[in-house]
Amino acid sequence: MKGLFRVLILFAASAVFAQNQAPTTQPPGPYHIKNDVLGEPISVYRQNNPECSDKDPVTESANFYQAKTTGEWSGTCMALSFDPKLPPGKSTLITYAEISMKVKVASFSEDRWVLLIFTAKHPDYDFLRNNLIANFAEPTIVYNGA
C-alpha cells in the first residue's frame, strides 16, 4: 500500500509542480479525474463530490479555513468507504478506474484543488499504477523510502 501512496502522491505533486514551469514552455494539459480538473475551485470540486463536507467524518473538526492574508479558502476533506456514523452495511462507494478505494483525501490551497490521495488494497496496486501511468505518464520523481 505504501507504493500506491507513492504513486498517487507523486502524480499530484508532479501535476502541481508542472504548473510552475518556465513561461517559455507550454503548460501541460489539464489533469482530469472523473469530473474534476486539478486546480479547480473548492466549490466546483465539492459540487462534484458531495462527500467532501464541511467537517471531517471522524473528528468532526472543520475541513476548511480562510487565510487571513489572502482571504482564500484552503483545507482538506476526506471520504471514507465506511462511515462510522452510518448504520452497518451502509457505506460510500469510492472508486478510481473501477477499483474500490478505502479512503479519498482531497487538499486545497488558496481555493484550488491541488492534491488527491487514494488508499486502496494492496492487490490492486499494479492495475492502479499501470492505469495512472497510461493516463498521466511515468512519474517524474520516485520515492524509494528512507
C-alpha atoms as a PDB file:
ATOM      1  CA  MET A   1       0.000   0.000   0.000  1.00  0.00           C
ATOM      2  CA  LYS A   2       2.949   2.321   0.585  1.00  0.00           C
ATOM      3  CA  GLY A   3       3.719   2.015  -3.106  1.00  0.00           C
ATOM      4  CA  LEU A   4       0.230   3.132  -4.070  1.00  0.00           C
ATOM      5  CA  PHE A   5       0.505   6.154  -1.802  1.00  0.00           C
ATOM      6  CA  ARG A   6       3.780   6.995  -3.504  1.00  0.00           C
ATOM      7  CA  VAL A   7       2.313   6.716  -6.986  1.00  0.00           C
ATOM      8  CA  LEU A   8      -0.715   8.877  -6.201  1.00  0.00           C
ATOM      9  CA  ILE A   9       1.160  11.449  -4.176  1.00  0.00           C
ATOM     10  CA  LEU A  10       3.790  11.744  -6.869  1.00  0.00           C
ATOM     11  CA  PHE A  11       1.074  12.141  -9.504  1.00  0.00           C
ATOM     12  CA  ALA A  12      -0.411  15.049  -7.626  1.00  0.00           C
ATOM     13  CA  ALA A  13       2.953  16.592  -6.789  1.00  0.00           C
ATOM     14  CA  SER A  14       4.210  16.346 -10.353  1.00  0.00           C
ATOM     15  CA  ALA A  15       0.983  17.875 -11.622  1.00  0.00           C
ATOM     16  CA  VAL A  16       1.281  20.793  -9.217  1.00  0.00           C
ATOM     17  CA  PHE A  17       4.964  21.369  -9.941  1.00  0.00           C
ATOM     18  CA  ALA A  18       4.359  21.049 -13.675  1.00  0.00           C
ATOM     19  CA  GLN A  19       2.204  24.165 -13.420  1.00  0.00           C
ATOM     20  CA  ASN A  20       5.258  26.145 -12.262  1.00  0.00           C
ATOM     21  CA  GLN A  21       7.311  25.621 -15.424  1.00  0.00           C
ATOM     22  CA  ALA A  22       9.257  28.412 -17.103  1.00  0.00           C
ATOM     23  CA  PRO A  23       6.986  30.733 -19.118  1.00  0.00           C
ATOM     24  CA  THR A  24       8.651  29.713 -22.413  1.00  0.00           C
ATOM     25  CA  THR A  25       7.370  26.128 -22.203  1.00  0.00           C
ATOM     26  CA  GLN A  26       3.835  25.032 -22.998  1.00  0.00           C
ATOM     27  CA  PRO A  27       1.874  24.177 -19.839  1.00  0.00           C
ATOM     28  CA  PRO A  28       0.623  20.604 -19.600  1.00  0.00           C
ATOM     29  CA  GLY A  29      -2.982  19.827 -20.445  1.00  0.00           C
ATOM     30  CA  PRO A  30      -5.448  19.739 -17.572  1.00  0.00           C
ATOM     31  CA  TYR A  31      -5.337  16.742 -15.298  1.00  0.00           C
ATOM     32  CA  HIS A  32      -8.788  15.150 -15.085  1.00  0.00           C
ATOM     33  CA  ILE A  33     -10.007  12.574 -12.594  1.00  0.00           C
ATOM     34  CA  LYS A  34     -13.637  11.728 -13.230  1.00  0.00           C
ATOM     35  CA  ASN A  35     -15.480  15.103 -13.354  1.00  0.00           C
ATOM     36  CA  ASP A  36     -12.687  17.050 -11.673  1.00  0.00           C
ATOM     37  CA  VAL A  37      -9.714  19.007 -13.010  1.00  0.00           C
ATOM     38  CA  LEU A  38      -6.627  19.711 -10.934  1.00  0.00           C
ATOM     39  CA  GLY A  39      -6.704  23.383  -9.970  1.00  0.00           C
ATOM     40  CA  GLU A  40     -10.468  23.787  -9.982  1.00  0.00           C
ATOM     41  CA  PRO A  41     -12.117  25.865  -7.210  1.00  0.00           C
ATOM     42  CA  ILE A  42     -13.246  24.212  -3.968  1.00  0.00           C
ATOM     43  CA  SER A  43     -16.891  24.965  -4.816  1.00  0.00           C
ATOM     44  CA  VAL A  44     -16.666  23.048  -8.115  1.00  0.00           C
ATOM     45  CA  TYR A  45     -14.901  20.092  -6.502  1.00  0.00           C
ATOM     46  CA  ARG A  46     -17.490  19.938  -3.711  1.00  0.00           C
ATOM     47  CA  GLN A  47     -20.343  20.136  -6.217  1.00  0.00           C
ATOM     48  CA  ASN A  48     -18.914  17.070  -7.997  1.00  0.00           C
ATOM     49  CA  ASN A  49     -18.033  15.309  -4.728  1.00  0.00           C
ATOM     50  CA  PRO A  50     -20.807  15.768  -2.143  1.00  0.00           C
ATOM     51  CA  GLU A  51     -18.916  13.557   0.313  1.00  0.00           C
ATOM     52  CA  CYS A  52     -16.424  16.460   0.679  1.00  0.00           C
ATOM     53  CA  SER A  53     -18.207  18.044   3.601  1.00  0.00           C
ATOM     54  CA  ASP A  54     -17.521  20.992   5.895  1.00  0.00           C
ATOM     55  CA  LYS A  55     -16.458  18.658   8.715  1.00  0.00           C
ATOM     56  CA  ASP A  56     -14.084  15.720   8.996  1.00  0.00           C
ATOM     57  CA  PRO A  57     -16.083  12.446   9.176  1.00  0.00           C
ATOM     58  CA  VAL A  58     -14.037  11.134  12.114  1.00  0.00           C
ATOM     59  CA  THR A  59     -13.024  14.133  14.233  1.00  0.00           C
ATOM     60  CA  GLU A  60     -15.849  16.485  13.179  1.00  0.00           C
ATOM     61  CA  SER A  61     -13.338  19.349  13.038  1.00  0.00           C
ATOM     62  CA  ALA A  62     -13.642  21.960  10.288  1.00  0.00           C
ATOM     63  CA  ASN A  63     -12.174  20.899   6.934  1.00  0.00           C
ATOM     64  CA  PHE A  64     -11.615  24.410   5.555  1.00  0.00           C
ATOM     65  CA  TYR A  65     -10.117  27.638   6.835  1.00  0.00           C
ATOM     66  CA  GLN A  66      -9.812  31.103   5.392  1.00  0.00           C
ATOM     67  CA  ALA A  67      -6.308  32.596   5.146  1.00  0.00           C
ATOM     68  CA  LYS A  68      -6.012  35.934   6.934  1.00  0.00           C
ATOM     69  CA  THR A  69      -3.607  37.363   4.351  1.00  0.00           C
ATOM     70  CA  THR A  70      -5.407  36.441   1.102  1.00  0.00           C
ATOM     71  CA  GLY A  71      -8.958  35.666   2.191  1.00  0.00           C
ATOM     72  CA  GLU A  72      -8.785  32.473   0.108  1.00  0.00           C
ATOM     73  CA  TRP A  73     -10.019  29.152   1.457  1.00  0.00           C
ATOM     74  CA  SER A  74      -7.722  26.158   1.987  1.00  0.00           C
ATOM     75  CA  GLY A  75      -8.070  22.794   3.665  1.00  0.00           C
ATOM     76  CA  THR A  76      -8.563  19.087   3.225  1.00  0.00           C
ATOM     77  CA  CYS A  77     -11.581  16.839   3.032  1.00  0.00           C
ATOM     78  CA  MET A  78     -11.611  13.093   3.490  1.00  0.00           C
ATOM     79  CA  ALA A  79     -14.132  10.489   2.410  1.00  0.00           C
ATOM     80  CA  LEU A  80     -14.140   7.015   3.903  1.00  0.00           C
ATOM     81  CA  SER A  81     -15.532   3.934   2.211  1.00  0.00           C
ATOM     82  CA  PHE A  82     -17.004   3.255   5.640  1.00  0.00           C
ATOM     83  CA  ASP A  83     -18.721   5.956   7.651  1.00  0.00           C
ATOM     84  CA  PRO A  84     -18.610   5.393  11.417  1.00  0.00           C
ATOM     85  CA  LYS A  85     -21.901   7.303  11.763  1.00  0.00           C
ATOM     86  CA  LEU A  86     -23.844   5.209   9.241  1.00  0.00           C
ATOM     87  CA  PRO A  87     -25.646   2.014  10.206  1.00  0.00           C
ATOM     88  CA  PRO A  88     -23.795  -1.253   9.472  1.00  0.00           C
ATOM     89  CA  GLY A  89     -23.980  -2.193   5.801  1.00  0.00           C
ATOM     90  CA  LYS A  90     -24.241   1.415   4.599  1.00  0.00           C
ATOM     91  CA  SER A  91     -21.141   2.884   3.003  1.00  0.00           C
ATOM     92  CA  THR A  92     -19.872   5.420   0.497  1.00  0.00           C
ATOM     93  CA  LEU A  93     -18.596   3.972  -2.755  1.00  0.00           C
ATOM     94  CA  ILE A  94     -15.217   5.497  -3.587  1.00  0.00           C
ATOM     95  CA  THR A  95     -13.649   4.313  -6.835  1.00  0.00           C
ATOM     96  CA  TYR A  96     -10.866   5.064  -9.249  1.00  0.00           C
ATOM     97  CA  ALA A  97     -10.687   3.146 -12.548  1.00  0.00           C
ATOM     98  CA  GLU A  98     -13.484   0.861 -11.336  1.00  0.00           C
ATOM     99  CA  ILE A  99     -11.432  -0.183  -8.284  1.00  0.00           C
ATOM    100  CA  SER A 100     -12.856   0.375  -4.795  1.00  0.00           C
ATOM    101  CA  MET A 101     -10.821   2.676  -2.587  1.00  0.00           C
ATOM    102  CA  LYS A 102     -10.770   2.734   1.208  1.00  0.00           C
ATOM    103  CA  VAL A 103     -10.082   6.448   1.621  1.00  0.00           C
ATOM    104  CA  LYS A 104     -10.002   9.542  -0.605  1.00  0.00           C
ATOM    105  CA  VAL A 105      -8.346  12.744   0.606  1.00  0.00           C
ATOM    106  CA  ALA A 106      -8.542  15.969  -1.403  1.00  0.00           C
ATOM    107  CA  SER A 107      -6.443  19.002  -0.460  1.00  0.00           C
ATOM    108  CA  PHE A 108      -6.960  22.621  -1.440  1.00  0.00           C
ATOM    109  CA  SER A 109      -4.721  25.665  -1.356  1.00  0.00           C
ATOM    110  CA  GLU A 110      -5.935  29.205  -1.997  1.00  0.00           C
ATOM    111  CA  ASP A 111      -9.319  27.949  -3.269  1.00  0.00           C
ATOM    112  CA  ARG A 112      -7.762  25.451  -5.712  1.00  0.00           C
ATOM    113  CA  TRP A 113      -7.704  21.645  -5.715  1.00  0.00           C
ATOM    114  CA  VAL A 114      -4.001  20.679  -5.532  1.00  0.00           C
ATOM    115  CA  LEU A 115      -3.705  17.108  -4.234  1.00  0.00           C
ATOM    116  CA  LEU A 116      -5.630  13.841  -4.271  1.00  0.00           C
ATOM    117  CA  ILE A 117      -4.674  10.739  -2.316  1.00  0.00           C
ATOM    118  CA  PHE A 118      -6.417   7.381  -2.547  1.00  0.00           C
ATOM    119  CA  THR A 119      -5.873   4.396  -0.286  1.00  0.00           C
ATOM    120  CA  ALA A 120      -6.544   1.036  -1.919  1.00  0.00           C
ATOM    121  CA  LYS A 121      -5.993  -2.636  -1.237  1.00  0.00           C
ATOM    122  CA  HIS A 122      -2.503  -3.897  -1.993  1.00  0.00           C
ATOM    123  CA  PRO A 123      -3.606  -6.458  -4.646  1.00  0.00           C
ATOM    124  CA  ASP A 124      -4.930  -3.553  -6.761  1.00  0.00           C
ATOM    125  CA  TYR A 125      -1.559  -1.746  -6.829  1.00  0.00           C
ATOM    126  CA  ASP A 126      -0.250  -2.997 -10.205  1.00  0.00           C
ATOM    127  CA  PHE A 127      -3.512  -2.280 -12.012  1.00  0.00           C
ATOM    128  CA  LEU A 128      -3.803   1.200 -10.494  1.00  0.00           C
ATOM    129  CA  ARG A 129      -0.143   2.056 -11.138  1.00  0.00           C
ATOM    130  CA  ASN A 130      -0.435   0.994 -14.788  1.00  0.00           C
ATOM    131  CA  ASN A 131      -3.673   2.950 -15.171  1.00  0.00           C
ATOM    132  CA  LEU A 132      -2.135   6.104 -13.707  1.00  0.00           C
ATOM    133  CA  ILE A 133       0.913   5.816 -15.961  1.00  0.00           C
ATOM    134  CA  ALA A 134      -1.305   5.273 -19.010  1.00  0.00           C
ATOM    135  CA  ASN A 135      -3.386   8.347 -18.154  1.00  0.00           C
ATOM    136  CA  PHE A 136      -0.756  10.698 -16.722  1.00  0.00           C
ATOM    137  CA  ALA A 137       2.675   9.362 -17.845  1.00  0.00           C
ATOM    138  CA  GLU A 138       5.541   7.983 -15.791  1.00  0.00           C
ATOM    139  CA  PRO A 139       6.220   9.786 -12.501  1.00  0.00           C
ATOM    140  CA  THR A 140       8.990  12.350 -12.742  1.00  0.00           C
ATOM    141  CA  ILE A 141      10.159  11.530  -9.210  1.00  0.00           C
ATOM    142  CA  VAL A 142      10.098   8.154  -7.471  1.00  0.00           C
ATOM    143  CA  TYR A 143      10.261   7.961  -3.706  1.00  0.00           C
ATOM    144  CA  ASN A 144      12.072   4.803  -2.569  1.00  0.00           C
ATOM    145  CA  GLY A 145      11.572   5.283   1.147  1.00  0.00           C
ATOM    146  CA  ALA A 146      14.239   6.301   3.570  1.00  0.00           C
END
